[in-house]
Amino acid sequence: MNVQKKVLAQLAMAFLLLISFLGCVDQDIPQKRTQDRFQIKLYSNGKLVSSWISSGTVGRTRGVFHFKDEETGKTVWVSTKAGNLIVTSAE
């Protein structure tokens, strides 16, 4: 009986561990674009607020776009909550 409890406890732990990993899966699967350059424009209330040229990949995770700004060389993070983001090819 003691062995059965130990096995059940191990199975329960394995199940909880599996569930915790599945709970961390992003519902909004990151989307990566692997083109050389992209133009990213941020609009708010129909007006252009900011624009960038990326120097490579544009990624998206949970409504946040991230890319390396060609001008500054720094990574930029922009939430879709900031406005409408338009990503197009800069080629």
PDB file of N, CA and C in Angstrom:
ATOM      1  N   MET A   1       0.821  -1.193   0.000  1.00  0.00           N
ATOM      2  CA  MET A   1       0.000   0.000   0.000  1.00  0.00           C
ATOM      3  C   MET A   1       0.865   1.257   0.000  1.00  0.00           C
ATOM      4  N   ASN A   2       1.950   1.243   0.735  1.00  0.00           N
ATOM      5  CA  ASN A   2       2.847   2.376   0.816  1.00  0.00           C
ATOM      6  C   ASN A   2       3.496   2.655  -0.548  1.00  0.00           C
ATOM      7  N   VAL A   3       3.812   1.592  -1.298  1.00  0.00           N
ATOM      8  CA  VAL A   3       4.407   1.728  -2.620  1.00  0.00           C
ATOM      9  C   VAL A   3       3.396   2.365  -3.581  1.00  0.00           C
ATOM     10  N   GLN A   4       2.134   2.000  -3.473  1.00  0.00           N
ATOM     11  CA  GLN A   4       1.098   2.570  -4.334  1.00  0.00           C
ATOM     12  C   GLN A   4       0.950   4.069  -4.091  1.00  0.00           C
ATOM     13  N   LYS A   5       1.002   4.477  -2.835  1.00  0.00           N
ATOM     14  CA  LYS A   5       0.899   5.897  -2.517  1.00  0.00           C
ATOM     15  C   LYS A   5       2.075   6.673  -3.099  1.00  0.00           C
ATOM     16  N   LYS A   6       3.263   6.071  -3.017  1.00  0.00           N
ATOM     17  CA  LYS A   6       4.462   6.723  -3.542  1.00  0.00           C
ATOM     18  C   LYS A   6       4.366   6.868  -5.060  1.00  0.00           C
ATOM     19  N   VAL A   7       3.900   5.826  -5.734  1.00  0.00           N
ATOM     20  CA  VAL A   7       3.754   5.870  -7.191  1.00  0.00           C
ATOM     21  C   VAL A   7       2.697   6.895  -7.581  1.00  0.00           C
ATOM     22  N   LEU A   8       1.578   6.922  -6.870  1.00  0.00           N
ATOM     23  CA  LEU A   8       0.524   7.898  -7.148  1.00  0.00           C
ATOM     24  C   LEU A   8       1.026   9.326  -6.921  1.00  0.00           C
ATOM     25  N   ALA A   9       1.809   9.535  -5.891  1.00  0.00           N
ATOM     26  CA  ALA A   9       2.360  10.859  -5.607  1.00  0.00           C
ATOM     27  C   ALA A   9       3.311  11.289  -6.720  1.00  0.00           C
ATOM     28  N   GLN A  10       4.127  10.355  -7.224  1.00  0.00           N
ATOM     29  CA  GLN A  10       5.048  10.670  -8.316  1.00  0.00           C
ATOM     30  C   GLN A  10       4.287  10.990  -9.601  1.00  0.00           C
ATOM     31  N   LEU A  11       3.242  10.227  -9.863  1.00  0.00           N
ATOM     32  CA  LEU A  11       2.418  10.497 -11.049  1.00  0.00           C
ATOM     33  C   LEU A  11       1.729  11.858 -10.939  1.00  0.00           C
ATOM     34  N   ALA A  12       1.242  12.175  -9.751  1.00  0.00           N
ATOM     35  CA  ALA A  12       0.589  13.467  -9.539  1.00  0.00           C
ATOM     36  C   ALA A  12       1.580  14.613  -9.747  1.00  0.00           C
ATOM     37  N   MET A  13       2.799  14.452  -9.245  1.00  0.00           N
ATOM     38  CA  MET A  13       3.831  15.477  -9.425  1.00  0.00           C
ATOM     39  C   MET A  13       4.176  15.636 -10.898  1.00  0.00           C
ATOM     40  N   ALA A  14       4.316  14.517 -11.613  1.00  0.00           N
ATOM     41  CA  ALA A  14       4.629  14.574 -13.041  1.00  0.00           C
ATOM     42  C   ALA A  14       3.501  15.269 -13.805  1.00  0.00           C
ATOM     43  N   PHE A  15       2.272  14.981 -13.450  1.00  0.00           N
ATOM     44  CA  PHE A  15       1.123  15.601 -14.101  1.00  0.00           C
ATOM     45  C   PHE A  15       1.106  17.108 -13.843  1.00  0.00           C
ATOM     46  N   LEU A  16       1.331  17.513 -12.600  1.00  0.00           N
ATOM     47  CA  LEU A  16       1.349  18.937 -12.268  1.00  0.00           C
ATOM     48  C   LEU A  16       2.485  19.665 -12.981  1.00  0.00           C
ATOM     49  N   LEU A  17       3.620  19.022 -13.086  1.00  0.00           N
ATOM     50  CA  LEU A  17       4.747  19.603 -13.798  1.00  0.00           C
ATOM     51  C   LEU A  17       4.410  19.791 -15.275  1.00  0.00           C
ATOM     52  N   LEU A  18       3.794  18.785 -15.868  1.00  0.00           N
ATOM     53  CA  LEU A  18       3.387  18.866 -17.269  1.00  0.00           C
ATOM     54  C   LEU A  18       2.379  19.990 -17.481  1.00  0.00           C
ATOM     55  N   ILE A  19       1.405  20.091 -16.603  1.00  0.00           N
ATOM     56  CA  ILE A  19       0.382  21.138 -16.698  1.00  0.00           C
ATOM     57  C   ILE A  19       1.016  22.521 -16.567  1.00  0.00           C
ATOM     58  N   SER A  20       1.996  22.660 -15.668  1.00  0.00           N
ATOM     59  CA  SER A  20       2.624  23.969 -15.488  1.00  0.00           C
ATOM     60  C   SER A  20       3.387  24.387 -16.736  1.00  0.00           C
ATOM     61  N   PHE A  21       4.016  23.439 -17.426  1.00  0.00           N
ATOM     62  CA  PHE A  21       4.709  23.770 -18.675  1.00  0.00           C
ATOM     63  C   PHE A  21       3.712  24.144 -19.763  1.00  0.00           C
ATOM     64  N   LEU A  22       2.616  23.434 -19.838  1.00  0.00           N
ATOM     65  CA  LEU A  22       1.613  23.742 -20.845  1.00  0.00           C
ATOM     66  C   LEU A  22       0.963  25.088 -20.572  1.00  0.00           C
ATOM     67  N   GLY A  23       0.842  25.465 -19.324  1.00  0.00           N
ATOM     68  CA  GLY A  23       0.271  26.754 -18.974  1.00  0.00           C
ATOM     69  C   GLY A  23       1.151  27.914 -19.390  1.00  0.00           C
ATOM     70  N   CYS A  24       2.428  27.663 -19.625  1.00  0.00           N
ATOM     71  CA  CYS A  24       3.350  28.721 -20.022  1.00  0.00           C
ATOM     72  C   CYS A  24       3.411  28.905 -21.535  1.00  0.00           C
ATOM     73  N   VAL A  25       2.727  28.080 -22.268  1.00  0.00           N
ATOM     74  CA  VAL A  25       2.741  28.196 -23.725  1.00  0.00           C
ATOM     75  C   VAL A  25       1.985  29.448 -24.118  1.00  0.00           C
ATOM     76  N   ASP A  26       2.586  30.257 -24.954  1.00  0.00           N
ATOM     77  CA  ASP A  26       1.976  31.499 -25.409  1.00  0.00           C
ATOM     78  C   ASP A  26       0.849  31.187 -26.371  1.00  0.00           C
ATOM     79  N   GLN A  27      -0.345  31.662 -26.055  1.00  0.00           N
ATOM     80  CA  GLN A  27      -1.487  31.444 -26.940  1.00  0.00           C
ATOM     81  C   GLN A  27      -1.309  32.182 -28.251  1.00  0.00           C
ATOM     82  N   ASP A  28      -0.594  33.299 -28.190  1.00  0.00           N
ATOM     83  CA  ASP A  28      -0.335  34.095 -29.375  1.00  0.00           C
ATOM     84  C   ASP A  28       1.061  33.702 -29.862  1.00  0.00           C
ATOM     85  N   ILE A  29       1.142  32.651 -30.635  1.00  0.00           N
ATOM     86  CA  ILE A  29       2.417  32.067 -31.031  1.00  0.00           C
ATOM     87  C   ILE A  29       3.310  33.130 -31.656  1.00  0.00           C
ATOM     88  N   PRO A  30       4.539  33.242 -31.164  1.00  0.00           N
ATOM     89  CA  PRO A  30       5.433  34.246 -31.730  1.00  0.00           C
ATOM     90  C   PRO A  30       5.571  34.074 -33.231  1.00  0.00           C
ATOM     91  N   GLN A  31       5.480  35.177 -33.929  1.00  0.00           N
ATOM     92  CA  GLN A  31       5.623  35.151 -35.370  1.00  0.00           C
ATOM     93  C   GLN A  31       6.906  35.874 -35.722  1.00  0.00           C
ATOM     94  N   LYS A  32       7.762  35.215 -36.458  1.00  0.00           N
ATOM     95  CA  LYS A  32       9.017  35.833 -36.858  1.00  0.00           C
ATOM     96  C   LYS A  32       9.054  35.947 -38.361  1.00  0.00           C
ATOM     97  N   ARG A  33       9.507  37.092 -38.801  1.00  0.00           N
ATOM     98  CA  ARG A  33       9.689  37.340 -40.222  1.00  0.00           C
ATOM     99  C   ARG A  33      11.189  37.459 -40.434  1.00  0.00           C
ATOM    100  N   THR A  34      11.725  36.754 -41.382  1.00  0.00           N
ATOM    101  CA  THR A  34      13.170  36.748 -41.572  1.00  0.00           C
ATOM    102  C   THR A  34      13.540  37.345 -42.920  1.00  0.00           C
ATOM    103  N   GLN A  35      13.159  38.560 -43.125  1.00  0.00           N
ATOM    104  CA  GLN A  35      13.547  39.307 -44.302  1.00  0.00           C
ATOM    105  C   GLN A  35      14.637  40.268 -43.855  1.00  0.00           C
ATOM    106  N   ASP A  36      15.328  40.876 -44.794  1.00  0.00           N
ATOM    107  CA  ASP A  36      16.426  41.760 -44.419  1.00  0.00           C
ATOM    108  C   ASP A  36      15.978  43.020 -43.695  1.00  0.00           C
ATOM    109  N   ARG A  37      14.995  43.717 -44.244  1.00  0.00           N
ATOM    110  CA  ARG A  37      14.586  44.989 -43.660  1.00  0.00           C
ATOM    111  C   ARG A  37      13.070  45.135 -43.709  1.00  0.00           C
ATOM    112  N   PHE A  38      12.524  45.722 -42.650  1.00  0.00           N
ATOM    113  CA  PHE A  38      11.094  46.012 -42.584  1.00  0.00           C
ATOM    114  C   PHE A  38      10.895  47.454 -42.170  1.00  0.00           C
ATOM    115  N   GLN A  39       9.818  48.054 -42.654  1.00  0.00           N
ATOM    116  CA  GLN A  39       9.419  49.380 -42.199  1.00  0.00           C
ATOM    117  C   GLN A  39       8.269  49.170 -41.219  1.00  0.00           C
ATOM    118  N   ILE A  40       8.403  49.745 -40.034  1.00  0.00           N
ATOM    119  CA  ILE A  40       7.386  49.609 -38.998  1.00  0.00           C
ATOM    120  C   ILE A  40       6.837  51.003 -38.725  1.00  0.00           C
ATOM    121  N   LYS A  41       5.523  51.168 -38.840  1.00  0.00           N
ATOM    122  CA  LYS A  41       4.878  52.456 -38.585  1.00  0.00           C
ATOM    123  C   LYS A  41       3.845  52.287 -37.477  1.00  0.00           C
ATOM    124  N   LEU A  42       3.853  53.224 -36.533  1.00  0.00           N
ATOM    125  CA  LEU A  42       2.909  53.222 -35.427  1.00  0.00           C
ATOM    126  C   LEU A  42       1.943  54.383 -35.607  1.00  0.00           C
ATOM    127  N   TYR A  43       0.638  54.044 -35.703  1.00  0.00           N
ATOM    128  CA  TYR A  43      -0.417  55.042 -35.833  1.00  0.00           C
ATOM    129  C   TYR A  43      -1.268  55.049 -34.571  1.00  0.00           C
ATOM    130  N   SER A  44      -1.660  56.249 -34.142  1.00  0.00           N
ATOM    131  CA  SER A  44      -2.581  56.393 -33.032  1.00  0.00           C
ATOM    132  C   SER A  44      -3.643  57.408 -33.444  1.00  0.00           C
ATOM    133  N   ASN A  45      -4.895  57.026 -33.333  1.00  0.00           N
ATOM    134  CA  ASN A  45      -6.016  57.869 -33.766  1.00  0.00           C
ATOM    135  C   ASN A  45      -5.857  58.316 -35.216  1.00  0.00           C
ATOM    136  N   GLY A  46      -5.322  57.425 -36.047  1.00  0.00           N
ATOM    137  CA  GLY A  46      -5.182  57.709 -37.469  1.00  0.00           C
ATOM    138  C   GLY A  46      -3.983  58.565 -37.836  1.00  0.00           C
ATOM    139  N   LYS A  47      -3.180  58.969 -36.857  1.00  0.00           N
ATOM    140  CA  LYS A  47      -2.011  59.813 -37.127  1.00  0.00           C
ATOM    141  C   LYS A  47      -0.732  59.022 -36.911  1.00  0.00           C
ATOM    142  N   LEU A  48       0.244  59.245 -37.794  1.00  0.00           N
ATOM    143  CA  LEU A  48       1.543  58.590 -37.656  1.00  0.00           C
ATOM    144  C   LEU A  48       2.244  59.138 -36.420  1.00  0.00           C
ATOM    145  N   VAL A  49       2.577  58.248 -35.481  1.00  0.00           N
ATOM    146  CA  VAL A  49       3.225  58.631 -34.233  1.00  0.00           C
ATOM    147  C   VAL A  49       4.730  58.430 -34.338  1.00  0.00           C
ATOM    148  N   SER A  50       5.122  57.294 -34.918  1.00  0.00           N
ATOM    149  CA  SER A  50       6.543  56.977 -35.025  1.00  0.00           C
ATOM    150  C   SER A  50       6.740  55.960 -36.137  1.00  0.00           C
ATOM    151  N   SER A  51       7.959  55.916 -36.652  1.00  0.00           N
ATOM    152  CA  SER A  51       8.279  54.897 -37.658  1.00  0.00           C
ATOM    153  C   SER A  51       9.739  54.495 -37.520  1.00  0.00           C
ATOM    154  N   TRP A  52      10.021  53.265 -37.905  1.00  0.00           N
ATOM    155  CA  TRP A  52      11.355  52.707 -37.812  1.00  0.00           C
ATOM    156  C   TRP A  52      11.628  51.844 -39.039  1.00  0.00           C
ATOM    157  N   ILE A  53      12.897  51.587 -39.280  1.00  0.00           N
ATOM    158  CA  ILE A  53      13.328  50.565 -40.223  1.00  0.00           C
ATOM    159  C   ILE A  53      14.073  49.533 -39.390  1.00  0.00           C
ATOM    160  N   SER A  54      13.655  48.285 -39.501  1.00  0.00           N
ATOM    161  CA  SER A  54      14.335  47.229 -38.748  1.00  0.00           C
ATOM    162  C   SER A  54      15.517  46.727 -39.549  1.00  0.00           C
ATOM    163  N   SER A  55      16.509  46.267 -38.839  1.00  0.00           N
ATOM    164  CA  SER A  55      17.679  45.695 -39.511  1.00  0.00           C
ATOM    165  C   SER A  55      17.651  44.184 -39.330  1.00  0.00           C
ATOM    166  N   GLY A  56      16.558  43.567 -39.739  1.00  0.00           N
ATOM    167  CA  GLY A  56      16.447  42.121 -39.630  1.00  0.00           C
ATOM    168  C   GLY A  56      15.089  41.671 -39.161  1.00  0.00           C
ATOM    169  N   THR A  57      15.090  40.709 -38.306  1.00  0.00           N
ATOM    170  CA  THR A  57      13.887  40.025 -37.861  1.00  0.00           C
ATOM    171  C   THR A  57      12.943  40.944 -37.087  1.00  0.00           C
ATOM    172  N   VAL A  58      11.647  40.796 -37.365  1.00  0.00           N
ATOM    173  CA  VAL A  58      10.604  41.432 -36.556  1.00  0.00           C
ATOM    174  C   VAL A  58       9.862  40.299 -35.877  1.00  0.00           C
ATOM    175  N   GLY A  59       9.847  40.314 -34.557  1.00  0.00           N
ATOM    176  CA  GLY A  59       9.165  39.262 -33.807  1.00  0.00           C
ATOM    177  C   GLY A  59       7.929  39.811 -33.133  1.00  0.00           C
ATOM    178  N   ARG A  60       7.016  38.913 -32.791  1.00  0.00           N
ATOM    179  CA  ARG A  60       5.802  39.314 -32.077  1.00  0.00           C
ATOM    180  C   ARG A  60       5.480  38.261 -31.028  1.00  0.00           C
ATOM    181  N   THR A  61       5.297  38.722 -29.818  1.00  0.00           N
ATOM    182  CA  THR A  61       4.928  37.841 -28.723  1.00  0.00           C
ATOM    183  C   THR A  61       3.890  38.552 -27.868  1.00  0.00           C
ATOM    184  N   ARG A  62       2.710  37.944 -27.747  1.00  0.00           N
ATOM    185  CA  ARG A  62       1.637  38.473 -26.893  1.00  0.00           C
ATOM    186  C   ARG A  62       1.337  39.944 -27.158  1.00  0.00           C
ATOM    187  N   GLY A  63       1.220  40.310 -28.414  1.00  0.00           N
ATOM    188  CA  GLY A  63       0.837  41.678 -28.750  1.00  0.00           C
ATOM    189  C   GLY A  63       1.952  42.695 -28.625  1.00  0.00           C
ATOM    190  N   VAL A  64       3.188  42.241 -28.506  1.00  0.00           N
ATOM    191  CA  VAL A  64       4.325  43.156 -28.445  1.00  0.00           C
ATOM    192  C   VAL A  64       5.272  42.810 -29.591  1.00  0.00           C
ATOM    193  N   PHE A  65       5.522  43.789 -30.438  1.00  0.00           N
ATOM    194  CA  PHE A  65       6.473  43.609 -31.532  1.00  0.00           C
ATOM    195  C   PHE A  65       7.856  44.022 -31.043  1.00  0.00           C
ATOM    196  N   HIS A  66       8.872  43.322 -31.513  1.00  0.00           N
ATOM    197  CA  HIS A  66      10.240  43.685 -31.162  1.00  0.00           C
ATOM    198  C   HIS A  66      11.124  43.528 -32.386  1.00  0.00           C
ATOM    199  N   PHE A  67      12.058  44.453 -32.516  1.00  0.00           N
ATOM    200  CA  PHE A  67      12.949  44.480 -33.676  1.00  0.00           C
ATOM    201  C   PHE A  67      14.146  45.356 -33.341  1.00  0.00           C
ATOM    202  N   LYS A  68      15.177  45.235 -34.152  1.00  0.00           N
ATOM    203  CA  LYS A  68      16.367  46.051 -33.975  1.00  0.00           C
ATOM    204  C   LYS A  68      16.262  47.246 -34.912  1.00  0.00           C
ATOM    205  N   ASP A  69      16.288  48.442 -34.335  1.00  0.00           N
ATOM    206  CA  ASP A  69      16.192  49.669 -35.113  1.00  0.00           C
ATOM    207  C   ASP A  69      17.485  49.874 -35.901  1.00  0.00           C
ATOM    208  N   GLU A  70      17.338  50.030 -37.207  1.00  0.00           N
ATOM    209  CA  GLU A  70      18.505  50.177 -38.074  1.00  0.00           C
ATOM    210  C   GLU A  70      19.300  51.447 -37.738  1.00  0.00           C
ATOM    211  N   GLU A  71      18.606  52.512 -37.373  1.00  0.00           N
ATOM    212  CA  GLU A  71      19.267  53.798 -37.111  1.00  0.00           C
ATOM    213  C   GLU A  71      20.080  53.798 -35.825  1.00  0.00           C
ATOM    214  N   THR A  72      19.493  53.254 -34.749  1.00  0.00           N
ATOM    215  CA  THR A  72      20.162  53.310 -33.439  1.00  0.00           C
ATOM    216  C   THR A  72      20.907  52.027 -33.086  1.00  0.00           C
ATOM    217  N   GLY A  73      20.526  50.914 -33.728  1.00  0.00           N
ATOM    218  CA  GLY A  73      21.118  49.630 -33.381  1.00  0.00           C
ATOM    219  C   GLY A  73      20.536  49.019 -32.115  1.00  0.00           C
ATOM    220  N   LYS A  74      19.540  49.684 -31.530  1.00  0.00           N
ATOM    221  CA  LYS A  74      18.924  49.206 -30.290  1.00  0.00           C
ATOM    222  C   LYS A  74      17.652  48.418 -30.581  1.00  0.00           C
ATOM    223  N   THR A  75      17.321  47.503 -29.658  1.00  0.00           N
ATOM    224  CA  THR A  75      16.090  46.744 -29.777  1.00  0.00           C
ATOM    225  C   THR A  75      14.924  47.618 -29.334  1.00  0.00           C
ATOM    226  N   VAL A  76      13.875  47.645 -30.150  1.00  0.00           N
ATOM    227  CA  VAL A  76      12.677  48.426 -29.864  1.00  0.00           C
ATOM    228  C   VAL A  76      11.547  47.453 -29.563  1.00  0.00           C
ATOM    229  N   TRP A  77      10.791  47.724 -28.511  1.00  0.00           N
ATOM    230  CA  TRP A  77       9.623  46.929 -28.132  1.00  0.00           C
ATOM    231  C   TRP A  77       8.409  47.837 -28.237  1.00  0.00           C
ATOM    232  N   VAL A  78       7.414  47.450 -29.028  1.00  0.00           N
ATOM    233  CA  VAL A  78       6.219  48.271 -29.207  1.00  0.00           C
ATOM    234  C   VAL A  78       4.989  47.406 -28.967  1.00  0.00           C
ATOM    235  N   SER A  79       4.153  47.835 -28.024  1.00  0.00           N
ATOM    236  CA  SER A  79       2.917  47.125 -27.733  1.00  0.00           C
ATOM    237  C   SER A  79       1.838  47.541 -28.720  1.00  0.00           C
ATOM    238  N   THR A  80       1.012  46.608 -29.107  1.00  0.00           N
ATOM    239  CA  THR A  80      -0.110  46.937 -29.982  1.00  0.00           C
ATOM    240  C   THR A  80      -1.127  47.801 -29.244  1.00  0.00           C
ATOM    241  N   LYS A  81      -1.022  47.896 -27.922  1.00  0.00           N
ATOM    242  CA  LYS A  81      -1.891  48.772 -27.138  1.00  0.00           C
ATOM    243  C   LYS A  81      -1.550  50.242 -27.381  1.00  0.00           C
ATOM    244  N   ALA A  82      -0.333  50.505 -27.919  1.00  0.00           N
ATOM    245  CA  ALA A  82       0.087  51.878 -28.188  1.00  0.00           C
ATOM    246  C   ALA A  82      -0.617  52.459 -29.408  1.00  0.00           C
ATOM    247  N   GLY A  83      -1.166  51.596 -30.237  1.00  0.00           N
ATOM    248  CA  GLY A  83      -1.842  52.047 -31.453  1.00  0.00           C
ATOM    249  C   GLY A  83      -1.828  50.956 -32.496  1.00  0.00           C
ATOM    250  N   ASN A  84      -2.026  51.347 -33.741  1.00  0.00           N
ATOM    251  CA  ASN A  84      -2.002  50.388 -34.852  1.00  0.00           C
ATOM    252  C   ASN A  84      -0.602  50.334 -35.414  1.00  0.00           C
ATOM    253  N   LEU A  85      -0.082  49.131 -35.523  1.00  0.00           N
ATOM    254  CA  LEU A  85       1.265  48.922 -36.036  1.00  0.00           C
ATOM    255  C   LEU A  85       1.176  48.318 -37.423  1.00  0.00           C
ATOM    256  N   ILE A  86       1.841  48.929 -38.378  1.00  0.00           N
ATOM    257  CA  ILE A  86       1.868  48.441 -39.754  1.00  0.00           C
ATOM    258  C   ILE A  86       3.303  48.020 -40.065  1.00  0.00           C
ATOM    259  N   VAL A  87       3.487  46.766 -40.448  1.00  0.00           N
ATOM    260  CA  VAL A  87       4.809  46.252 -40.775  1.00  0.00           C
ATOM    261  C   VAL A  87       4.803  45.875 -42.264  1.00  0.00           C
ATOM    262  N   THR A  88       5.709  46.490 -43.015  1.00  0.00           N
ATOM    263  CA  THR A  88       5.816  46.211 -44.450  1.00  0.00           C
ATOM    264  C   THR A  88       7.279  46.012 -44.818  1.00  0.00           C
ATOM    265  N   SER A  89       7.491  45.466 -45.982  1.00  0.00           N
ATOM    266  CA  SER A  89       8.846  45.267 -46.466  1.00  0.00           C
ATOM    267  C   SER A  89       9.481  46.624 -46.770  1.00  0.00           C
ATOM    268  N   ALA A  90      10.732  46.780 -46.396  1.00  0.00           N
ATOM    269  CA  ALA A  90      11.451  48.034 -46.682  1.00  0.00           C
ATOM    270  C   ALA A  90      12.321  47.874 -47.915  1.00  0.00           C
ATOM    271  N   GLU A  91      12.246  46.755 -48.562  1.00  0.00           N
ATOM    272  CA  GLU A  91      13.067  46.500 -49.756  1.00  0.00           C
ATOM    273  C   GLU A  91      12.468  47.137 -50.970  1.00  0.00           C
TER     274      GLU A  91
END
